[in-house]
Amino acid sequence: MSTNYIGAVERGEKIPSLKTFIDILNTFSASVDMVLSDVLQEGYQLRQLNLAIR
């Protein structure tokens, strides 16, 4: 992977495949929950709000 590709992923210009995402996490010794914690928590809150409205 090139630094340009990694930069594009960081800026949201590219979305890596699952395999590439796992490779990036392994390279940086990062866990999925550490990287996605804000995204998953926000998604959970939105889902909870939608259920409360119904």
PDB file of N, CA and C in Angstrom:
ATOM      1  N   MET A   1       0.842  -1.179   0.000  1.00  0.00           N
ATOM      2  CA  MET A   1       0.000   0.000   0.000  1.00  0.00           C
ATOM      3  C   MET A   1       0.883   1.237   0.000  1.00  0.00           C
ATOM      4  N   SER A   2       0.488   2.181  -0.761  1.00  0.00           N
ATOM      5  CA  SER A   2       1.260   3.416  -0.830  1.00  0.00           C
ATOM      6  C   SER A   2       0.781   4.399   0.233  1.00  0.00           C
ATOM      7  N   THR A   3       1.631   5.361   0.530  1.00  0.00           N
ATOM      8  CA  THR A   3       1.237   6.396   1.486  1.00  0.00           C
ATOM      9  C   THR A   3       0.100   7.237   0.915  1.00  0.00           C
ATOM     10  N   ASN A   4       0.073   7.395  -0.407  1.00  0.00           N
ATOM     11  CA  ASN A   4      -1.027   8.139  -1.031  1.00  0.00           C
ATOM     12  C   ASN A   4      -2.359   7.430  -0.791  1.00  0.00           C
ATOM     13  N   TYR A   5      -2.365   6.099  -0.910  1.00  0.00           N
ATOM     14  CA  TYR A   5      -3.594   5.329  -0.689  1.00  0.00           C
ATOM     15  C   TYR A   5      -4.049   5.452   0.765  1.00  0.00           C
ATOM     16  N   ILE A   6      -3.112   5.304   1.693  1.00  0.00           N
ATOM     17  CA  ILE A   6      -3.443   5.422   3.117  1.00  0.00           C
ATOM     18  C   ILE A   6      -4.000   6.816   3.408  1.00  0.00           C
ATOM     19  N   GLY A   7      -3.394   7.844   2.824  1.00  0.00           N
ATOM     20  CA  GLY A   7      -3.891   9.203   2.999  1.00  0.00           C
ATOM     21  C   GLY A   7      -5.302   9.367   2.461  1.00  0.00           C
ATOM     22  N   ALA A   8      -5.579   8.753   1.306  1.00  0.00           N
ATOM     23  CA  ALA A   8      -6.917   8.820   0.712  1.00  0.00           C
ATOM     24  C   ALA A   8      -7.936   8.119   1.609  1.00  0.00           C
ATOM     25  N   VAL A   9      -7.545   7.025   2.232  1.00  0.00           N
ATOM     26  CA  VAL A   9      -8.434   6.326   3.167  1.00  0.00           C
ATOM     27  C   VAL A   9      -8.699   7.221   4.380  1.00  0.00           C
ATOM     28  N   GLU A  10      -7.661   7.842   4.915  1.00  0.00           N
ATOM     29  CA  GLU A  10      -7.822   8.723   6.075  1.00  0.00           C
ATOM     30  C   GLU A  10      -8.738   9.908   5.773  1.00  0.00           C
ATOM     31  N   ARG A  11      -8.651  10.426   4.559  1.00  0.00           N
ATOM     32  CA  ARG A  11      -9.486  11.567   4.169  1.00  0.00           C
ATOM     33  C   ARG A  11     -10.888  11.158   3.746  1.00  0.00           C
ATOM     34  N   GLY A  12     -11.145   9.868   3.681  1.00  0.00           N
ATOM     35  CA  GLY A  12     -12.455   9.378   3.281  1.00  0.00           C
ATOM     36  C   GLY A  12     -12.665   9.375   1.779  1.00  0.00           C
ATOM     37  N   GLU A  13     -11.600   9.517   1.018  1.00  0.00           N
ATOM     38  CA  GLU A  13     -11.697   9.508  -0.441  1.00  0.00           C
ATOM     39  C   GLU A  13     -11.762   8.087  -0.997  1.00  0.00           C
ATOM     40  N   LYS A  14     -11.223   7.145  -0.268  1.00  0.00           N
ATOM     41  CA  LYS A  14     -11.229   5.737  -0.656  1.00  0.00           C
ATOM     42  C   LYS A  14     -11.760   4.918   0.508  1.00  0.00           C
ATOM     43  N   ILE A  15     -12.444   3.836   0.171  1.00  0.00           N
ATOM     44  CA  ILE A  15     -12.912   2.896   1.188  1.00  0.00           C
ATOM     45  C   ILE A  15     -12.200   1.572   0.927  1.00  0.00           C
ATOM     46  N   PRO A  16     -11.398   1.120   1.882  1.00  0.00           N
ATOM     47  CA  PRO A  16     -10.648  -0.111   1.654  1.00  0.00           C
ATOM     48  C   PRO A  16     -11.544  -1.348   1.725  1.00  0.00           C
ATOM     49  N   SER A  17     -11.106  -2.387   1.065  1.00  0.00           N
ATOM     50  CA  SER A  17     -11.807  -3.669   1.198  1.00  0.00           C
ATOM     51  C   SER A  17     -11.601  -4.168   2.627  1.00  0.00           C
ATOM     52  N   LEU A  18     -12.370  -5.156   3.019  1.00  0.00           N
ATOM     53  CA  LEU A  18     -12.242  -5.695   4.369  1.00  0.00           C
ATOM     54  C   LEU A  18     -10.840  -6.239   4.607  1.00  0.00           C
ATOM     55  N   LYS A  19     -10.301  -6.947   3.632  1.00  0.00           N
ATOM     56  CA  LYS A  19      -8.945  -7.496   3.771  1.00  0.00           C
ATOM     57  C   LYS A  19      -7.923  -6.374   3.950  1.00  0.00           C
ATOM     58  N   THR A  20      -8.036  -5.333   3.153  1.00  0.00           N
ATOM     59  CA  THR A  20      -7.105  -4.203   3.259  1.00  0.00           C
ATOM     60  C   THR A  20      -7.268  -3.508   4.606  1.00  0.00           C
ATOM     61  N   PHE A  21      -8.513  -3.351   5.060  1.00  0.00           N
ATOM     62  CA  PHE A  21      -8.778  -2.743   6.364  1.00  0.00           C
ATOM     63  C   PHE A  21      -8.100  -3.539   7.475  1.00  0.00           C
ATOM     64  N   ILE A  22      -8.217  -4.848   7.418  1.00  0.00           N
ATOM     65  CA  ILE A  22      -7.578  -5.712   8.424  1.00  0.00           C
ATOM     66  C   ILE A  22      -6.062  -5.589   8.340  1.00  0.00           C
ATOM     67  N   ASP A  23      -5.528  -5.534   7.126  1.00  0.00           N
ATOM     68  CA  ASP A  23      -4.077  -5.361   6.963  1.00  0.00           C
ATOM     69  C   ASP A  23      -3.607  -4.043   7.580  1.00  0.00           C
ATOM     70  N   ILE A  24      -4.380  -2.977   7.370  1.00  0.00           N
ATOM     71  CA  ILE A  24      -4.030  -1.679   7.955  1.00  0.00           C
ATOM     72  C   ILE A  24      -4.053  -1.762   9.477  1.00  0.00           C
ATOM     73  N   LEU A  25      -5.103  -2.367  10.046  1.00  0.00           N
ATOM     74  CA  LEU A  25      -5.192  -2.513  11.502  1.00  0.00           C
ATOM     75  C   LEU A  25      -4.005  -3.304  12.048  1.00  0.00           C
ATOM     76  N   ASN A  26      -3.659  -4.395  11.378  1.00  0.00           N
ATOM     77  CA  ASN A  26      -2.528  -5.208  11.834  1.00  0.00           C
ATOM     78  C   ASN A  26      -1.215  -4.445  11.736  1.00  0.00           C
ATOM     79  N   THR A  27      -1.055  -3.649  10.701  1.00  0.00           N
ATOM     80  CA  THR A  27       0.171  -2.869  10.537  1.00  0.00           C
ATOM     81  C   THR A  27       0.357  -1.891  11.683  1.00  0.00           C
ATOM     82  N   PHE A  28      -0.724  -1.268  12.103  1.00  0.00           N
ATOM     83  CA  PHE A  28      -0.647  -0.281  13.172  1.00  0.00           C
ATOM     84  C   PHE A  28      -0.938  -0.867  14.553  1.00  0.00           C
ATOM     85  N   SER A  29      -1.094  -2.189  14.646  1.00  0.00           N
ATOM     86  CA  SER A  29      -1.417  -2.862  15.910  1.00  0.00           C
ATOM     87  C   SER A  29      -2.631  -2.222  16.581  1.00  0.00           C
ATOM     88  N   ALA A  30      -3.640  -1.970  15.777  1.00  0.00           N
ATOM     89  CA  ALA A  30      -4.874  -1.345  16.274  1.00  0.00           C
ATOM     90  C   ALA A  30      -5.994  -2.376  16.234  1.00  0.00           C
ATOM     91  N   SER A  31      -6.921  -2.250  17.168  1.00  0.00           N
ATOM     92  CA  SER A  31      -8.069  -3.152  17.183  1.00  0.00           C
ATOM     93  C   SER A  31      -9.239  -2.498  16.457  1.00  0.00           C
ATOM     94  N   VAL A  32     -10.150  -3.322  15.987  1.00  0.00           N
ATOM     95  CA  VAL A  32     -11.318  -2.819  15.267  1.00  0.00           C
ATOM     96  C   VAL A  32     -12.161  -1.938  16.178  1.00  0.00           C
ATOM     97  N   ASP A  33     -12.366  -2.364  17.423  1.00  0.00           N
ATOM     98  CA  ASP A  33     -13.197  -1.562  18.321  1.00  0.00           C
ATOM     99  C   ASP A  33     -12.556  -0.221  18.630  1.00  0.00           C
ATOM    100  N   MET A  34     -11.227  -0.169  18.665  1.00  0.00           N
ATOM    101  CA  MET A  34     -10.550   1.098  18.907  1.00  0.00           C
ATOM    102  C   MET A  34     -10.768   2.053  17.731  1.00  0.00           C
ATOM    103  N   VAL A  35     -10.700   1.539  16.525  1.00  0.00           N
ATOM    104  CA  VAL A  35     -10.833   2.368  15.333  1.00  0.00           C
ATOM    105  C   VAL A  35     -12.285   2.766  15.082  1.00  0.00           C
ATOM    106  N   LEU A  36     -13.208   1.854  15.310  1.00  0.00           N
ATOM    107  CA  LEU A  36     -14.607   2.099  14.972  1.00  0.00           C
ATOM    108  C   LEU A  36     -15.481   2.488  16.167  1.00  0.00           C
ATOM    109  N   SER A  37     -14.908   2.705  17.321  1.00  0.00           N
ATOM    110  CA  SER A  37     -15.715   2.934  18.520  1.00  0.00           C
ATOM    111  C   SER A  37     -16.669   4.118  18.364  1.00  0.00           C
ATOM    112  N   ASP A  38     -16.211   5.220  17.809  1.00  0.00           N
ATOM    113  CA  ASP A  38     -17.101   6.375  17.636  1.00  0.00           C
ATOM    114  C   ASP A  38     -18.195   6.079  16.632  1.00  0.00           C
ATOM    115  N   VAL A  39     -17.857   5.407  15.568  1.00  0.00           N
ATOM    116  CA  VAL A  39     -18.824   5.092  14.519  1.00  0.00           C
ATOM    117  C   VAL A  39     -19.878   4.126  15.047  1.00  0.00           C
ATOM    118  N   LEU A  40     -19.434   3.085  15.713  1.00  0.00           N
ATOM    119  CA  LEU A  40     -20.370   2.090  16.214  1.00  0.00           C
ATOM    120  C   LEU A  40     -21.243   2.649  17.319  1.00  0.00           C
ATOM    121  N   GLN A  41     -20.675   3.436  18.188  1.00  0.00           N
ATOM    122  CA  GLN A  41     -21.459   4.011  19.280  1.00  0.00           C
ATOM    123  C   GLN A  41     -22.509   4.956  18.715  1.00  0.00           C
ATOM    124  N   GLU A  42     -22.154   5.765  17.745  1.00  0.00           N
ATOM    125  CA  GLU A  42     -23.105   6.686  17.136  1.00  0.00           C
ATOM    126  C   GLU A  42     -24.215   5.911  16.440  1.00  0.00           C
ATOM    127  N   GLY A  43     -23.855   4.869  15.707  1.00  0.00           N
ATOM    128  CA  GLY A  43     -24.859   4.047  15.046  1.00  0.00           C
ATOM    129  C   GLY A  43     -25.803   3.422  16.047  1.00  0.00           C
ATOM    130  N   TYR A  44     -25.273   2.977  17.171  1.00  0.00           N
ATOM    131  CA  TYR A  44     -26.099   2.379  18.222  1.00  0.00           C
ATOM    132  C   TYR A  44     -27.060   3.413  18.788  1.00  0.00           C
ATOM    133  N   GLN A  45     -26.578   4.633  19.031  1.00  0.00           N
ATOM    134  CA  GLN A  45     -27.426   5.683  19.576  1.00  0.00           C
ATOM    135  C   GLN A  45     -28.541   6.036  18.603  1.00  0.00           C
ATOM    136  N   LEU A  46     -28.238   6.118  17.315  1.00  0.00           N
ATOM    137  CA  LEU A  46     -29.259   6.431  16.323  1.00  0.00           C
ATOM    138  C   LEU A  46     -30.300   5.328  16.260  1.00  0.00           C
ATOM    139  N   ARG A  47     -29.871   4.091  16.304  1.00  0.00           N
ATOM    140  CA  ARG A  47     -30.798   2.951  16.284  1.00  0.00           C
ATOM    141  C   ARG A  47     -31.687   2.992  17.519  1.00  0.00           C
ATOM    142  N   GLN A  48     -31.107   3.316  18.661  1.00  0.00           N
ATOM    143  CA  GLN A  48     -31.879   3.386  19.895  1.00  0.00           C
ATOM    144  C   GLN A  48     -32.903   4.519  19.809  1.00  0.00           C
ATOM    145  N   LEU A  49     -32.520   5.654  19.229  1.00  0.00           N
ATOM    146  CA  LEU A  49     -33.440   6.780  19.069  1.00  0.00           C
ATOM    147  C   LEU A  49     -34.590   6.397  18.136  1.00  0.00           C
ATOM    148  N   ASN A  50     -34.296   5.717  17.035  1.00  0.00           N
ATOM    149  CA  ASN A  50     -35.340   5.291  16.119  1.00  0.00           C
ATOM    150  C   ASN A  50     -36.317   4.344  16.790  1.00  0.00           C
ATOM    151  N   LEU A  51     -35.841   3.475  17.645  1.00  0.00           N
ATOM    152  CA  LEU A  51     -36.725   2.551  18.349  1.00  0.00           C
ATOM    153  C   LEU A  51     -37.597   3.290  19.355  1.00  0.00           C
ATOM    154  N   ALA A  52     -37.037   4.331  19.985  1.00  0.00           N
ATOM    155  CA  ALA A  52     -37.795   5.093  20.974  1.00  0.00           C
ATOM    156  C   ALA A  52     -38.923   5.890  20.319  1.00  0.00           C
ATOM    157  N   ILE A  53     -38.702   6.326  19.089  1.00  0.00           N
ATOM    158  CA  ILE A  53     -39.701   7.131  18.383  1.00  0.00           C
ATOM    159  C   ILE A  53     -40.897   6.276  17.974  1.00  0.00           C
ATOM    160  N   ARG A  54     -40.654   5.038  17.631  1.00  0.00           N
ATOM    161  CA  ARG A  54     -41.723   4.150  17.166  1.00  0.00           C
ATOM    162  C   ARG A  54     -42.586   3.817  18.281  1.00  0.00           C
TER     163      ARG A  54
END
